[in-house]
Amino acid sequence: NKTTTRSQKRIGRGYGSKKGGHTTIRGAKGKKARNKVPLTFDGTKIKKGWIKRLPFLKGKGRLKRIKSSRITFNLNDLHKWFKDKSLVDFSSLSKASKIPEATLRRKGVKILSGASRSQTPKITKSFKFKDITLSQSAKKYNETKK
């Protein structure tokens, strides 16, 4: 696929250029319109400065958030997709769930029992797992069916 990039609009190059004129982008009056304001300038002393707020702004620790968003499956799903005593790994899960194997490996997979306090899942099969984490309740259900 050919990618095309548009050239940026040239701002402040005279009135004839549509995006021109004498206070282009700067507003009308004040220090910002007349000369440069340093990046570290706080403005008022009441609010916390940009430098002090920087560690808490969006994006800090953003990699943690991606890692923790695992793809979860319930034992009920596996019950529909797999036969008894079959091996459940990334490749077999990707075929069954139609999610690419690379995505499953990158995000990680966790198997949940899918049982709330009021209902118990109707599972009669047991599975062998390879490189996949299970919740404690899912482990318990899987061990009882062996």
Protein backbone atom coordinates (compact mmCIF):
# COMPACT_ATOMS: atom_id res chain seq x y z
CA ASN A 1 0.00 0.00 0.00
CA LYS A 2 1.25 3.44 -0.92
CA THR A 3 1.08 5.93 1.92
CA THR A 4 0.70 9.59 1.19
CA THR A 5 1.39 12.45 3.55
CA ARG A 6 0.02 15.88 3.05
CA SER A 7 2.37 18.80 3.46
CA GLN A 8 1.70 20.84 6.54
CA LYS A 9 -0.20 24.13 6.20
CA ARG A 10 2.25 27.01 6.23
CA ILE A 11 0.92 29.37 8.83
CA GLY A 12 1.71 33.04 9.15
CA ARG A 13 2.94 33.64 5.60
CA GLY A 14 0.83 36.64 4.70
CA TYR A 15 -2.84 37.44 4.23
CA GLY A 16 -3.05 35.87 0.79
CA SER A 17 -2.24 32.39 2.01
CA LYS A 18 -5.62 31.87 3.78
CA LYS A 19 -3.75 31.02 6.97
CA GLY A 20 -1.90 34.24 7.44
CA GLY A 21 -2.14 37.57 9.06
CA HIS A 22 -0.26 39.25 11.80
CA THR A 23 -1.38 37.33 14.94
CA THR A 24 -1.78 33.91 13.41
CA ILE A 25 -2.31 31.27 16.12
CA ARG A 26 -0.98 33.59 18.83
CA GLY A 27 -4.22 35.35 19.75
CA ALA A 28 -4.42 39.09 20.19
CA LYS A 29 -2.35 40.48 23.05
CA GLY A 30 -0.15 39.46 25.92
CA LYS A 31 3.24 37.92 26.50
CA LYS A 32 2.42 34.81 24.45
CA ALA A 33 1.54 36.94 21.42
CA ARG A 34 4.59 39.17 21.67
CA ASN A 35 7.48 36.84 22.57
CA LYS A 36 8.28 33.29 23.56
CA VAL A 37 7.16 31.88 26.91
CA PRO A 38 9.46 29.26 28.42
CA LEU A 39 8.14 25.71 28.59
CA THR A 40 8.66 25.61 32.35
CA PHE A 41 6.63 28.80 32.99
CA ASP A 42 3.93 28.12 35.60
CA GLY A 43 1.66 31.11 35.20
CA THR A 44 0.06 31.47 38.62
CA LYS A 45 1.58 30.04 41.75
CA ILE A 46 -1.71 28.49 42.92
CA LYS A 47 -1.88 25.59 40.48
CA LYS A 48 0.87 23.00 40.36
CA GLY A 49 3.40 23.61 37.60
CA TRP A 50 3.66 21.46 34.50
CA ILE A 51 7.02 20.09 35.62
CA LYS A 52 5.57 18.95 38.96
CA ARG A 53 2.49 17.38 37.34
CA LEU A 54 4.44 15.64 34.58
CA PRO A 55 4.89 12.27 36.33
CA PHE A 56 1.13 11.96 36.88
CA LEU A 57 0.01 12.90 33.40
CA LYS A 58 -1.43 10.31 31.02
CA GLY A 59 1.08 7.93 29.56
CA LYS A 60 3.18 7.24 32.64
CA GLY A 61 3.19 3.49 33.20
CA ARG A 62 1.12 2.95 30.09
CA LEU A 63 2.94 -0.30 29.37
CA LYS A 64 1.62 -1.82 32.60
CA ARG A 65 -1.93 -1.19 31.44
CA ILE A 66 -1.38 -3.06 28.15
CA LYS A 67 0.20 -6.02 29.88
CA SER A 68 -2.57 -6.41 32.43
CA SER A 69 -5.36 -6.53 29.84
CA ARG A 70 -5.36 -10.30 29.47
CA ILE A 71 -7.81 -12.12 27.24
CA THR A 72 -10.07 -14.24 29.40
CA PHE A 73 -11.99 -17.38 28.52
CA ASN A 74 -14.49 -19.32 30.61
CA LEU A 75 -14.49 -23.06 31.14
CA ASN A 76 -17.90 -23.08 29.47
CA ASP A 77 -16.27 -21.80 26.26
CA LEU A 78 -13.65 -24.55 26.38
CA HIS A 79 -16.41 -27.07 27.02
CA LYS A 80 -18.05 -26.06 23.72
CA TRP A 81 -14.82 -25.89 21.71
CA PHE A 82 -12.73 -28.86 22.85
CA LYS A 83 -13.13 -32.60 23.39
CA ASP A 84 -12.49 -34.34 26.71
CA LYS A 85 -8.80 -34.57 27.79
CA SER A 86 -7.64 -32.42 24.87
CA LEU A 87 -4.62 -30.13 25.03
CA VAL A 88 -5.40 -26.42 25.31
CA ASP A 89 -2.56 -24.12 24.25
CA PHE A 90 -2.19 -20.86 22.34
CA SER A 91 -2.50 -22.39 18.87
CA SER A 92 -5.59 -24.49 19.67
CA LEU A 93 -7.24 -21.55 21.46
CA SER A 94 -6.58 -19.23 18.52
CA LYS A 95 -8.22 -21.71 16.13
CA ALA A 96 -11.24 -22.14 18.38
CA SER A 97 -11.72 -18.48 19.33
CA LYS A 98 -10.66 -17.02 15.95
CA ILE A 99 -8.28 -14.61 17.71
CA PRO A 100 -4.79 -14.50 16.15
CA GLU A 101 -2.20 -16.53 18.04
CA ALA A 102 0.20 -13.58 18.13
CA THR A 103 -2.42 -11.47 19.93
CA LEU A 104 -3.04 -14.20 22.48
CA ARG A 105 0.68 -14.56 23.16
CA ARG A 106 1.23 -10.80 23.41
CA LYS A 107 -1.68 -10.06 25.73
CA GLY A 108 -1.71 -13.33 27.65
CA VAL A 109 -4.59 -15.70 28.34
CA LYS A 110 -6.35 -16.60 31.56
CA ILE A 111 -8.99 -19.26 31.98
CA LEU A 112 -11.77 -18.46 34.45
CA SER A 113 -14.34 -20.86 35.84
CA GLY A 114 -17.19 -18.63 34.69
CA ALA A 115 -19.13 -19.45 37.83
CA SER A 116 -20.71 -16.74 39.90
CA ARG A 117 -21.75 -17.46 43.48
CA SER A 118 -25.27 -18.37 42.47
CA GLN A 119 -24.55 -20.74 39.60
CA THR A 120 -22.06 -23.50 38.96
CA PRO A 121 -20.87 -24.25 35.43
CA LYS A 122 -22.05 -27.52 33.86
CA ILE A 123 -18.68 -28.97 32.92
CA THR A 124 -18.12 -32.66 32.37
CA LYS A 125 -14.79 -32.53 30.53
CA SER A 126 -11.23 -32.04 31.76
CA PHE A 127 -8.46 -30.37 29.80
CA LYS A 128 -4.65 -30.32 29.72
CA PHE A 129 -3.22 -26.81 29.67
CA LYS A 130 0.14 -25.70 28.31
CA ASP A 131 1.57 -22.20 29.04
CA ILE A 132 -1.86 -20.89 30.09
CA THR A 133 -2.79 -19.54 33.52
CA LEU A 134 -5.95 -20.62 35.27
CA SER A 135 -7.86 -18.99 38.07
CA GLN A 136 -8.01 -20.94 41.33
CA SER A 137 -11.66 -21.87 40.85
CA ALA A 138 -11.01 -23.02 37.27
CA LYS A 139 -8.12 -25.20 38.52
CA LYS A 140 -10.42 -26.73 41.12
CA TYR A 141 -13.12 -27.53 38.54
CA ASN A 142 -10.61 -29.00 36.12
CA GLU A 143 -9.04 -31.23 38.80
CA THR A 144 -12.41 -32.59 39.98
CA LYS A 145 -13.31 -33.72 36.44
CA LYS A 146 -10.12 -35.78 35.95
